[in-house]
Protein backbone atom coordinates (compact mmCIF):
# COMPACT_ATOMS: atom_id res chain seq x y z
CA MET A 1 12.61 8.87 -8.50
CA LYS A 2 11.31 12.36 -9.18
CA VAL A 3 7.75 11.08 -9.73
CA ARG A 4 7.81 9.00 -6.55
CA LEU A 5 9.18 11.92 -4.54
CA ILE A 6 6.50 14.26 -5.85
CA TYR A 7 3.87 11.58 -5.16
CA GLY A 8 5.09 11.23 -1.56
CA LEU A 9 5.18 14.99 -1.01
CA VAL A 10 1.67 15.44 -2.43
CA ILE A 11 0.31 12.76 -0.08
CA PHE A 12 2.16 14.40 2.81
CA ILE A 13 0.64 17.82 2.01
CA ILE A 14 -2.87 16.33 1.65
CA VAL A 15 -2.64 14.47 4.96
CA TYR A 16 -1.22 17.55 6.70
CA SER A 17 -4.03 19.75 5.31
CA ILE A 18 -6.68 17.29 6.48
CA GLU A 19 -5.10 17.16 9.95
CA ARG A 20 -5.04 20.97 10.18
CA TYR A 21 -8.67 21.23 9.06
CA ILE A 22 -9.89 18.65 11.57
CA ASP A 23 -7.82 20.30 14.31
CA HIS A 24 -9.42 23.67 13.49
CA GLN A 25 -12.90 22.14 13.64
CA ASN A 26 -12.19 20.52 17.01
CA ARG A 27 -10.81 23.77 18.39
CA GLU A 28 -14.00 25.54 17.33
CA LYS A 29 -16.11 22.87 19.06
CA LEU A 30 -14.01 23.10 22.21
CA PHE A 31 -14.24 26.92 22.22
CA THR A 32 -18.04 26.76 21.87
CA ASN A 33 -18.17 24.14 24.62
CA ILE A 34 -16.09 26.25 27.02
CA GLU A 35 -18.20 29.32 26.26
CA LEU A 36 -21.39 27.37 27.01
CA VAL A 37 -20.00 26.22 30.36
CA ASN A 38 -19.08 29.84 31.24
CA ILE A 39 -22.51 31.16 30.26
CA ALA A 40 -24.23 28.38 32.20
CA GLY A 41 -22.13 29.33 35.23
CA LYS A 42 -23.33 32.93 34.93
CA GLN A 43 -26.92 31.74 34.68
CA ARG A 44 -26.54 29.88 37.97
CA MET A 45 -25.09 33.00 39.59
CA TYR A 46 -27.88 35.30 38.35
CA SER A 47 -30.66 32.91 39.38
CA GLN A 48 -29.13 32.71 42.86
CA LYS A 49 -28.84 36.50 42.98
CA ILE A 50 -32.52 36.91 42.10
CA THR A 51 -33.53 34.47 44.84
CA LYS A 52 -31.25 36.22 47.35
CA LEU A 53 -32.80 39.61 46.52
CA ALA A 54 -36.29 38.13 46.70
CA LEU A 55 -35.59 36.81 50.20
CA TYR A 56 -34.01 40.13 51.16
CA ALA A 57 -37.13 41.94 49.99
CA ASN A 58 -39.16 39.68 52.23
CA GLU A 59 -36.96 40.40 55.25
CA SER A 60 -36.27 44.12 54.62
CA PRO A 61 -39.47 45.86 53.49
CA PHE A 62 -37.94 49.29 54.23
CA LYS A 63 -35.30 48.86 51.50
CA LEU A 64 -37.61 47.94 48.66
CA LEU A 65 -36.47 50.76 46.34
CA VAL A 66 -32.79 49.79 46.74
CA ILE A 67 -33.65 46.16 46.08
CA ASN A 68 -35.68 47.16 43.03
CA LYS A 69 -32.64 48.53 41.15
CA GLU A 70 -30.51 45.44 41.89
CA LEU A 71 -33.41 43.17 41.02
CA GLU A 72 -33.90 44.88 37.64
CA ASP A 73 -30.18 44.50 36.86
CA ALA A 74 -30.21 40.82 37.83
CA TYR A 75 -33.35 40.27 35.76
CA HIS A 76 -31.80 41.77 32.61
CA GLN A 77 -28.52 39.89 33.10
CA PHE A 78 -30.42 36.65 33.65
CA SER A 79 -32.43 37.24 30.47
CA THR A 80 -29.35 38.20 28.41
CA THR A 81 -27.31 35.16 29.43
CA HIS A 82 -30.29 32.90 28.80
CA ASN A 83 -30.53 34.20 25.23
CA LYS A 84 -26.76 33.78 24.74
CA LEU A 85 -26.97 30.24 26.05
CA SER A 86 -29.80 29.44 23.63
CA GLU A 87 -27.87 30.93 20.68
CA GLN A 88 -24.68 29.05 21.53
CA ARG A 89 -26.64 25.85 22.06
CA LYS A 90 -27.87 26.03 18.46
CA LYS A 91 -24.24 26.06 17.27
CA GLY A 92 -23.46 22.83 19.09
CA LYS A 93 -24.08 19.33 17.86
CA SER A 94 -27.51 17.75 18.34
CA ASP A 95 -27.76 15.88 21.63
CA VAL A 96 -31.02 14.25 22.77
CA TYR A 97 -30.06 14.35 26.45
CA LEU A 98 -29.09 18.05 26.35
CA ASP A 99 -32.17 18.91 24.31
CA GLU A 100 -34.33 17.31 27.00
CA LEU A 101 -32.51 19.18 29.77
CA PHE A 102 -32.91 22.52 27.99
CA THR A 103 -36.60 21.83 27.34
CA ASN A 104 -37.20 21.08 31.02
CA LEU A 105 -35.11 24.08 32.07
CA GLU A 106 -37.24 26.51 30.05
CA SER A 107 -40.37 26.14 32.21
CA TYR A 108 -38.45 26.91 35.43
CA TYR A 109 -36.69 29.82 33.75
CA GLN A 110 -40.02 31.31 32.65
CA GLU A 111 -41.50 30.96 36.15
CA ILE A 112 -38.51 32.75 37.66
CA MET A 113 -38.76 35.52 35.05
CA ILE A 114 -42.52 36.03 35.41
CA ASN A 115 -42.40 36.23 39.19
CA THR A 116 -39.30 38.43 39.15
CA ILE A 117 -41.28 40.93 37.07
CA VAL A 118 -44.03 40.86 39.71
CA LEU A 119 -41.44 41.46 42.41
CA ILE A 120 -39.83 44.30 40.43
CA GLU A 121 -43.18 46.03 40.04
CA ASN A 122 -44.06 45.60 43.70
CA THR A 123 -40.68 46.81 44.98
CA ARG A 124 -40.84 49.79 42.62
CA ASN A 125 -44.26 50.74 43.95
CA GLY A 126 -43.30 50.08 47.57
CA VAL A 127 -45.83 47.29 47.97
CA SER A 128 -45.40 45.53 51.31
CA SER A 129 -43.55 42.24 51.27
CA ASN A 130 -46.47 40.90 53.28
CA ASN A 131 -48.65 41.39 50.22
CA GLU A 132 -50.09 38.04 49.14
CA ARG A 133 -48.92 38.35 45.53
CA THR A 134 -45.42 39.37 46.64
CA GLU A 135 -45.19 36.43 49.02
CA GLU A 136 -46.39 34.11 46.28
CA ALA A 137 -43.81 35.51 43.82
CA ILE A 138 -40.97 35.05 46.34
CA GLU A 139 -42.03 31.50 47.12
CA THR A 140 -42.35 30.62 43.42
CA ILE A 141 -38.89 32.03 42.66
CA LYS A 142 -37.38 29.98 45.52
CA LYS A 143 -39.11 26.79 44.43
CA ASN A 144 -38.21 27.13 40.74
CA GLU A 145 -34.63 28.17 41.45
CA ASN A 146 -33.92 24.81 43.11
CA GLN A 147 -35.06 22.90 40.03
CA PHE A 148 -33.36 25.39 37.71
CA LEU A 149 -29.99 24.96 39.45
CA HIS A 150 -30.38 21.18 39.51
CA LEU A 151 -30.90 21.07 35.73
CA MET A 152 -28.19 23.66 35.09
CA ASP A 153 -25.71 21.51 37.01
CA LYS A 154 -26.59 18.57 34.77
CA ILE A 155 -26.13 20.74 31.67
CA VAL A 156 -22.72 21.98 32.85
CA ASN A 157 -21.62 18.42 33.68
CA GLN A 158 -22.68 17.22 30.23
CA TYR A 159 -20.78 20.01 28.48
CA GLU A 160 -17.70 19.28 30.60
CA LYS A 161 -17.91 15.62 29.56
CA GLU A 162 -18.18 16.66 25.91
CA GLY A 163 -15.16 18.95 26.34
CA LYS A 164 -13.07 16.11 27.77
CA ALA A 165 -14.21 13.83 24.93
CA ILE A 166 -13.14 16.43 22.33
CA ILE A 167 -9.70 16.73 23.96
CA GLU A 168 -9.27 12.93 24.10
CA VAL A 169 -10.32 12.49 20.46
CA SER A 170 -8.00 15.31 19.39
CA ALA A 171 -5.07 13.73 21.22
CA ALA A 172 -5.76 10.32 19.65
CA ARG A 173 -6.14 11.87 16.19
CA GLU A 174 -2.91 13.81 16.56
CA SER A 175 -1.05 10.63 17.52
CA THR A 176 -2.48 8.83 14.48
CA PHE A 177 -1.47 11.63 12.12
CA ASN A 178 2.00 11.75 13.66
CA ILE A 179 2.41 8.04 12.87
CA ILE A 180 1.22 8.69 9.30
CA PHE A 181 3.68 11.58 8.91
CA ILE A 182 6.56 9.43 10.17
CA ALA A 183 5.54 6.60 7.82
CA LEU A 184 5.41 8.99 4.84
CA LEU A 185 8.77 10.47 5.76
CA ALA A 186 10.25 6.98 6.09
CA TYR A 187 8.80 6.06 2.68
CA ILE A 188 10.35 9.13 1.05
CA VAL A 189 13.76 8.56 2.67
CA PHE A 190 14.09 4.77 2.46
CA PHE A 191 12.13 3.98 -0.70
CA VAL A 192 12.73 7.09 -2.81
CA LEU A 193 15.86 9.02 -1.81
CA LEU A 194 18.19 6.28 -0.54
CA PRO A 195 17.59 3.78 -3.39
CA ASP A 196 18.18 6.54 -5.93
CA HIS A 197 21.29 7.65 -4.04
CA SER A 198 22.65 4.10 -4.18
CA LYS A 199 22.06 3.91 -7.93
CA LYS A 200 23.67 7.28 -8.70
CA GLY A 201 26.37 7.09 -6.05
CA GLY A 202 25.86 10.80 -5.49
CA ASN A 203 24.05 13.16 -3.17
CA VAL A 204 20.71 11.91 -1.84
CA PHE A 205 18.97 15.03 -3.10
CA ASN A 206 20.59 14.89 -6.55
CA PHE A 207 17.68 14.64 -8.98
């Protein structure tokens, strides 16, 4: 009886340890996934802010210096969140669809960055918004922002799908392990403790 009880407890501990490890891994994946969605949301916001400031610069040439400071801040925030998104992406699992989206996104991101720099320089130097290069930069930012947001929406949707899948798998796994735990407990009680109790006619836990 003692051997069978120890055997059952060892199996129980092993199964429980495996369940805890897998649960920890899934929580890490879900945390990374949520963080990626949040960063992607910030990227959308900063790209829209840059476009808004670019259009404002076009409509309000007398406030170029004020716009310049806000534009520089938006530029640095946009760059920082892009780098964070790239770093977090590397931590995630390999996904062909997401890899393709990120590859396509990069070209639009670079175009926005390059032309934002042009706009920052021109607003700093008080160059008229009617300047050909300024107009071209504003138009390029507008055009690339549309494609950037379109791809970013797809990326966010994909990460949200992955997050839901992780939650569903975790719930199914937890149910499976609960069944295993109940089965092990039933084995210990009905096939180890109770039979031995019947033989000894004493306490169930009397070894």
